[in-house]
PDB file of N, CA and C in Angstrom:
ATOM      1  N   UNK A   1       0.843  -1.175   0.000  1.00  0.00           N
ATOM      2  CA  UNK A   1       0.000   0.000   0.000  1.00  0.00           C
ATOM      3  C   UNK A   1       0.887   1.237   0.000  1.00  0.00           C
ATOM      4  N   UNK A   2       0.571   2.142  -0.865  1.00  0.00           N
ATOM      5  CA  UNK A   2       1.301   3.395  -0.939  1.00  0.00           C
ATOM      6  C   UNK A   2       1.062   4.187   0.339  1.00  0.00           C
ATOM      7  N   UNK A   3       2.096   4.776   0.897  1.00  0.00           N
ATOM      8  CA  UNK A   3       1.932   5.485   2.164  1.00  0.00           C
ATOM      9  C   UNK A   3       1.079   6.735   2.039  1.00  0.00           C
ATOM     10  N   UNK A   4       0.812   7.211   0.834  1.00  0.00           N
ATOM     11  CA  UNK A   4      -0.007   8.392   0.629  1.00  0.00           C
ATOM     12  C   UNK A   4      -1.483   8.062   0.419  1.00  0.00           C
ATOM     13  N   UNK A   5      -1.800   6.798   0.287  1.00  0.00           N
ATOM     14  CA  UNK A   5      -3.191   6.397   0.115  1.00  0.00           C
ATOM     15  C   UNK A   5      -3.911   6.431   1.460  1.00  0.00           C
ATOM     16  N   UNK A   6      -5.164   6.795   1.391  1.00  0.00           N
ATOM     17  CA  UNK A   6      -5.955   6.814   2.619  1.00  0.00           C
ATOM     18  C   UNK A   6      -6.289   5.393   3.019  1.00  0.00           C
ATOM     19  N   UNK A   7      -6.181   5.134   4.273  1.00  0.00           N
ATOM     20  CA  UNK A   7      -6.568   3.830   4.802  1.00  0.00           C
ATOM     21  C   UNK A   7      -8.041   3.873   5.182  1.00  0.00           C
ATOM     22  N   UNK A   8      -8.688   2.775   4.994  1.00  0.00           N
ATOM     23  CA  UNK A   8     -10.095   2.705   5.385  1.00  0.00           C
ATOM     24  C   UNK A   8     -10.184   2.806   6.905  1.00  0.00           C
ATOM     25  N   UNK A   9     -10.961   3.759   7.351  1.00  0.00           N
ATOM     26  CA  UNK A   9     -11.086   3.911   8.802  1.00  0.00           C
ATOM     27  C   UNK A   9     -12.125   2.935   9.331  1.00  0.00           C
ATOM     28  N   UNK A  10     -11.854   2.428  10.498  1.00  0.00           N
ATOM     29  CA  UNK A  10     -12.807   1.528  11.142  1.00  0.00           C
ATOM     30  C   UNK A  10     -13.897   2.354  11.790  1.00  0.00           C
ATOM     31  N   UNK A  11     -15.114   1.923  11.610  1.00  0.00           N
ATOM     32  CA  UNK A  11     -16.219   2.612  12.261  1.00  0.00           C
ATOM     33  C   UNK A  11     -16.228   2.214  13.730  1.00  0.00           C
ATOM     34  N   UNK A  12     -16.240   3.223  14.558  1.00  0.00           N
ATOM     35  CA  UNK A  12     -16.248   2.972  15.995  1.00  0.00           C
ATOM     36  C   UNK A  12     -17.656   3.152  16.528  1.00  0.00           C
ATOM     37  N   UNK A  13     -18.018   2.270  17.400  1.00  0.00           N
ATOM     38  CA  UNK A  13     -19.323   2.390  18.036  1.00  0.00           C
ATOM     39  C   UNK A  13     -19.206   3.443  19.132  1.00  0.00           C
ATOM     40  N   UNK A  14     -20.098   4.427  19.072  1.00  0.00           N
ATOM     41  CA  UNK A  14     -20.040   5.474  20.078  1.00  0.00           C
ATOM     42  C   UNK A  14     -20.549   4.932  21.415  1.00  0.00           C
ATOM     43  N   UNK A  15     -19.960   5.446  22.452  1.00  0.00           N
ATOM     44  CA  UNK A  15     -20.342   5.042  23.800  1.00  0.00           C
ATOM     45  C   UNK A  15     -21.509   5.913  24.232  1.00  0.00           C
ATOM     46  N   UNK A  16     -22.600   5.300  24.637  1.00  0.00           N
ATOM     47  CA  UNK A  16     -23.751   6.087  25.063  1.00  0.00           C
ATOM     48  C   UNK A  16     -23.479   6.691  26.434  1.00  0.00           C
ATOM     49  N   UNK A  17     -23.975   7.892  26.619  1.00  0.00           N
ATOM     50  CA  UNK A  17     -23.790   8.602  27.874  1.00  0.00           C
ATOM     51  C   UNK A  17     -24.854   8.148  28.853  1.00  0.00           C
ATOM     52  N   UNK A  18     -24.425   7.618  29.954  1.00  0.00           N
ATOM     53  CA  UNK A  18     -25.338   7.166  30.990  1.00  0.00           C
ATOM     54  C   UNK A  18     -24.962   7.873  32.290  1.00  0.00           C
ATOM     55  N   UNK A  19     -25.545   9.072  32.483  1.00  0.00           N
ATOM     56  CA  UNK A  19     -25.156   9.862  33.656  1.00  0.00           C
ATOM     57  C   UNK A  19     -25.610   9.231  34.963  1.00  0.00           C
ATOM     58  N   UNK A  20     -24.802   9.422  35.979  1.00  0.00           N
ATOM     59  CA  UNK A  20     -25.156   8.969  37.318  1.00  0.00           C
ATOM     60  C   UNK A  20     -25.951  10.078  38.005  1.00  0.00           C
ATOM     61  N   UNK A  21     -26.488   9.773  39.171  1.00  0.00           N
ATOM     62  CA  UNK A  21     -27.202  10.806  39.932  1.00  0.00           C
ATOM     63  C   UNK A  21     -26.272  11.972  40.258  1.00  0.00           C
ATOM     64  N   UNK A  22     -25.019  11.672  40.542  1.00  0.00           N
ATOM     65  CA  UNK A  22     -24.048  12.725  40.848  1.00  0.00           C
ATOM     66  C   UNK A  22     -23.806  13.621  39.634  1.00  0.00           C
ATOM     67  N   UNK A  23     -23.734  13.024  38.427  1.00  0.00           N
ATOM     68  CA  UNK A  23     -23.561  13.804  37.199  1.00  0.00           C
ATOM     69  C   UNK A  23     -24.735  14.764  37.014  1.00  0.00           C
ATOM     70  N   UNK A  24     -25.937  14.254  37.206  1.00  0.00           N
ATOM     71  CA  UNK A  24     -27.137  15.071  37.024  1.00  0.00           C
ATOM     72  C   UNK A  24     -27.195  16.174  38.071  1.00  0.00           C
ATOM     73  N   UNK A  25     -26.890  15.832  39.312  1.00  0.00           N
ATOM     74  CA  UNK A  25     -26.923  16.841  40.374  1.00  0.00           C
ATOM     75  C   UNK A  25     -25.891  17.932  40.115  1.00  0.00           C
ATOM     76  N   UNK A  26     -24.707  17.556  39.648  1.00  0.00           N
ATOM     77  CA  UNK A  26     -23.671  18.542  39.342  1.00  0.00           C
ATOM     78  C   UNK A  26     -24.126  19.456  38.201  1.00  0.00           C
ATOM     79  N   UNK A  27     -24.780  18.893  37.178  1.00  0.00           N
ATOM     80  CA  UNK A  27     -25.275  19.690  36.058  1.00  0.00           C
ATOM     81  C   UNK A  27     -26.373  20.646  36.512  1.00  0.00           C
ATOM     82  N   UNK A  28     -27.270  20.178  37.369  1.00  0.00           N
ATOM     83  CA  UNK A  28     -28.347  21.030  37.891  1.00  0.00           C
ATOM     84  C   UNK A  28     -27.757  22.150  38.731  1.00  0.00           C
ATOM     85  N   UNK A  29     -26.807  21.834  39.589  1.00  0.00           N
ATOM     86  CA  UNK A  29     -26.174  22.857  40.435  1.00  0.00           C
ATOM     87  C   UNK A  29     -25.486  23.922  39.582  1.00  0.00           C
ATOM     88  N   UNK A  30     -24.786  23.492  38.547  1.00  0.00           N
ATOM     89  CA  UNK A  30     -24.101  24.439  37.658  1.00  0.00           C
ATOM     90  C   UNK A  30     -25.110  25.318  36.916  1.00  0.00           C
ATOM     91  N   UNK A  31     -26.205  24.702  36.453  1.00  0.00           N
ATOM     92  CA  UNK A  31     -27.253  25.449  35.756  1.00  0.00           C
ATOM     93  C   UNK A  31     -27.855  26.514  36.661  1.00  0.00           C
ATOM     94  N   UNK A  32     -28.152  26.153  37.901  1.00  0.00           N
ATOM     95  CA  UNK A  32     -28.737  27.108  38.843  1.00  0.00           C
ATOM     96  C   UNK A  32     -27.735  28.194  39.216  1.00  0.00           C
ATOM     97  N   UNK A  33     -26.464  27.831  39.341  1.00  0.00           N
ATOM     98  CA  UNK A  33     -25.430  28.793  39.690  1.00  0.00           C
ATOM     99  C   UNK A  33     -25.288  29.860  38.605  1.00  0.00           C
ATOM    100  N   UNK A  34     -25.529  29.466  37.356  1.00  0.00           N
ATOM    101  CA  UNK A  34     -25.410  30.401  36.236  1.00  0.00           C
ATOM    102  C   UNK A  34     -26.699  31.199  36.015  1.00  0.00           C
ATOM    103  N   UNK A  35     -27.653  31.093  36.932  1.00  0.00           N
ATOM    104  CA  UNK A  35     -28.872  31.886  36.841  1.00  0.00           C
ATOM    105  C   UNK A  35     -30.059  31.156  36.242  1.00  0.00           C
ATOM    106  N   UNK A  36     -29.920  29.882  35.962  1.00  0.00           N
ATOM    107  CA  UNK A  36     -31.029  29.116  35.403  1.00  0.00           C
ATOM    108  C   UNK A  36     -32.127  28.919  36.432  1.00  0.00           C
ATOM    109  N   UNK A  37     -33.321  28.727  35.932  1.00  0.00           N
ATOM    110  CA  UNK A  37     -34.459  28.503  36.823  1.00  0.00           C
ATOM    111  C   UNK A  37     -35.146  27.201  36.428  1.00  0.00           C
ATOM    112  N   UNK A  38     -35.618  26.480  37.422  1.00  0.00           N
ATOM    113  CA  UNK A  38     -36.325  25.222  37.208  1.00  0.00           C
ATOM    114  C   UNK A  38     -37.718  25.362  37.799  1.00  0.00           C
ATOM    115  N   UNK A  39     -38.711  25.075  36.982  1.00  0.00           N
ATOM    116  CA  UNK A  39     -40.102  25.151  37.423  1.00  0.00           C
ATOM    117  C   UNK A  39     -40.628  23.744  37.621  1.00  0.00           C
ATOM    118  N   UNK A  40     -41.182  23.494  38.785  1.00  0.00           N
ATOM    119  CA  UNK A  40     -41.754  22.184  39.064  1.00  0.00           C
ATOM    120  C   UNK A  40     -43.134  22.099  38.424  1.00  0.00           C
ATOM    121  N   UNK A  41     -43.356  21.055  37.658  1.00  0.00           N
ATOM    122  CA  UNK A  41     -44.651  20.846  37.021  1.00  0.00           C
ATOM    123  C   UNK A  41     -45.497  19.932  37.888  1.00  0.00           C
ATOM    124  N   UNK A  42     -46.706  20.345  38.116  1.00  0.00           N
ATOM    125  CA  UNK A  42     -47.629  19.552  38.909  1.00  0.00           C
ATOM    126  C   UNK A  42     -48.480  18.691  37.982  1.00  0.00           C
ATOM    127  N   UNK A  43     -48.746  17.471  38.402  1.00  0.00           N
ATOM    128  CA  UNK A  43     -49.613  16.591  37.627  1.00  0.00           C
ATOM    129  C   UNK A  43     -51.033  17.115  37.679  1.00  0.00           C
ATOM    130  N   UNK A  44     -51.747  16.939  36.570  1.00  0.00           N
ATOM    131  CA  UNK A  44     -53.149  17.335  36.563  1.00  0.00           C
ATOM    132  C   UNK A  44     -53.988  16.148  36.129  1.00  0.00           C
ATOM    133  N   UNK A  45     -55.261  16.383  35.871  1.00  0.00           N
ATOM    134  CA  UNK A  45     -56.160  15.275  35.583  1.00  0.00           C
ATOM    135  C   UNK A  45     -56.084  14.779  34.131  1.00  0.00           C
ATOM    136  N   UNK A  46     -55.210  15.364  33.314  1.00  0.00           N
ATOM    137  CA  UNK A  46     -55.051  14.912  31.931  1.00  0.00           C
ATOM    138  C   UNK A  46     -54.127  13.697  31.926  1.00  0.00           C
ATOM    139  N   UNK A  47     -54.589  12.632  31.329  1.00  0.00           N
ATOM    140  CA  UNK A  47     -53.797  11.409  31.258  1.00  0.00           C
ATOM    141  C   UNK A  47     -52.819  11.516  30.092  1.00  0.00           C
ATOM    142  N   UNK A  48     -51.546  11.353  30.364  1.00  0.00           N
ATOM    143  CA  UNK A  48     -50.503  11.485  29.343  1.00  0.00           C
ATOM    144  C   UNK A  48     -50.717  10.532  28.170  1.00  0.00           C
ATOM    145  N   UNK A  49     -51.007   9.280  28.432  1.00  0.00           N
ATOM    146  CA  UNK A  49     -51.173   8.300  27.353  1.00  0.00           C
ATOM    147  C   UNK A  49     -52.346   8.663  26.456  1.00  0.00           C
ATOM    148  N   UNK A  50     -53.452   9.077  27.053  1.00  0.00           N
ATOM    149  CA  UNK A  50     -54.602   9.504  26.255  1.00  0.00           C
ATOM    150  C   UNK A  50     -54.253  10.728  25.420  1.00  0.00           C
ATOM    151  N   UNK A  51     -53.520  11.637  26.018  1.00  0.00           N
ATOM    152  CA  UNK A  51     -53.120  12.847  25.307  1.00  0.00           C
ATOM    153  C   UNK A  51     -52.243  12.509  24.101  1.00  0.00           C
ATOM    154  N   UNK A  52     -51.288  11.617  24.272  1.00  0.00           N
ATOM    155  CA  UNK A  52     -50.383  11.266  23.183  1.00  0.00           C
ATOM    156  C   UNK A  52     -51.113  10.522  22.065  1.00  0.00           C
ATOM    157  N   UNK A  53     -52.140   9.778  22.382  1.00  0.00           N
ATOM    158  CA  UNK A  53     -52.915   9.060  21.366  1.00  0.00           C
ATOM    159  C   UNK A  53     -53.666  10.008  20.442  1.00  0.00           C
ATOM    160  N   UNK A  54     -53.904  11.221  20.884  1.00  0.00           N
ATOM    161  CA  UNK A  54     -54.634  12.185  20.071  1.00  0.00           C
ATOM    162  C   UNK A  54     -53.823  12.656  18.872  1.00  0.00           C
ATOM    163  N   UNK A  55     -52.508  12.474  18.924  1.00  0.00           N
ATOM    164  CA  UNK A  55     -51.597  12.887  17.849  1.00  0.00           C
ATOM    165  C   UNK A  55     -51.797  14.359  17.502  1.00  0.00           C
ATOM    166  N   UNK A  56     -51.782  15.166  18.528  1.00  0.00           N
ATOM    167  CA  UNK A  56     -51.930  16.610  18.344  1.00  0.00           C
ATOM    168  C   UNK A  56     -50.638  17.202  17.795  1.00  0.00           C
ATOM    169  N   UNK A  57     -50.690  18.459  17.481  1.00  0.00           N
ATOM    170  CA  UNK A  57     -49.507  19.158  16.973  1.00  0.00           C
ATOM    171  C   UNK A  57     -48.477  19.292  18.084  1.00  0.00           C
ATOM    172  N   UNK A  58     -47.260  19.644  17.678  1.00  0.00           N
ATOM    173  CA  UNK A  58     -46.184  19.814  18.657  1.00  0.00           C
ATOM    174  C   UNK A  58     -46.501  20.927  19.640  1.00  0.00           C
ATOM    175  N   UNK A  59     -47.179  21.964  19.198  1.00  0.00           N
ATOM    176  CA  UNK A  59     -47.496  23.057  20.115  1.00  0.00           C
ATOM    177  C   UNK A  59     -48.452  22.592  21.205  1.00  0.00           C
ATOM    178  N   UNK A  60     -49.379  21.701  20.870  1.00  0.00           N
ATOM    179  CA  UNK A  60     -50.298  21.174  21.882  1.00  0.00           C
ATOM    180  C   UNK A  60     -49.548  20.305  22.884  1.00  0.00           C
ATOM    181  N   UNK A  61     -48.590  19.540  22.401  1.00  0.00           N
ATOM    182  CA  UNK A  61     -47.788  18.706  23.295  1.00  0.00           C
ATOM    183  C   UNK A  61     -46.951  19.581  24.208  1.00  0.00           C
ATOM    184  N   UNK A  62     -46.346  20.645  23.651  1.00  0.00           N
ATOM    185  CA  UNK A  62     -45.571  21.570  24.478  1.00  0.00           C
ATOM    186  C   UNK A  62     -46.457  22.217  25.533  1.00  0.00           C
ATOM    187  N   UNK A  63     -47.668  22.595  25.148  1.00  0.00           N
ATOM    188  CA  UNK A  63     -48.589  23.192  26.110  1.00  0.00           C
ATOM    189  C   UNK A  63     -48.894  22.211  27.246  1.00  0.00           C
ATOM    190  N   UNK A  64     -49.048  20.938  26.899  1.00  0.00           N
ATOM    191  CA  UNK A  64     -49.306  19.920  27.913  1.00  0.00           C
ATOM    192  C   UNK A  64     -48.156  19.852  28.915  1.00  0.00           C
ATOM    193  N   UNK A  65     -46.925  19.783  28.392  1.00  0.00           N
ATOM    194  CA  UNK A  65     -45.776  19.647  29.283  1.00  0.00           C
ATOM    195  C   UNK A  65     -45.471  20.910  30.052  1.00  0.00           C
ATOM    196  N   UNK A  66     -45.789  22.045  29.480  1.00  0.00           N
ATOM    197  CA  UNK A  66     -45.502  23.310  30.148  1.00  0.00           C
ATOM    198  C   UNK A  66     -46.647  23.762  31.040  1.00  0.00           C
ATOM    199  N   UNK A  67     -47.742  23.011  31.040  1.00  0.00           N
ATOM    200  CA  UNK A  67     -48.857  23.339  31.924  1.00  0.00           C
ATOM    201  C   UNK A  67     -49.703  24.485  31.447  1.00  0.00           C
ATOM    202  N   UNK A  68     -49.671  24.776  30.156  1.00  0.00           N
ATOM    203  CA  UNK A  68     -50.480  25.891  29.611  1.00  0.00           C
ATOM    204  C   UNK A  68     -51.881  25.435  29.287  1.00  0.00           C
TER     205      UNK A  68
END
């Protein structure tokens, strides 16, 4: 093989990110330290599975998750 020819690169399987509770807590702490805000969403009487079966638009789904 000529040294100037490109070698076929092996495809590498990417490692999936599986954060631990400590990773998540550190990310949340950093987000809050930088001025981020987290709003707690309260459950309501709308059933998520029934809502998803309706196949509504993305804006309706966002409204569901944001409590609008």
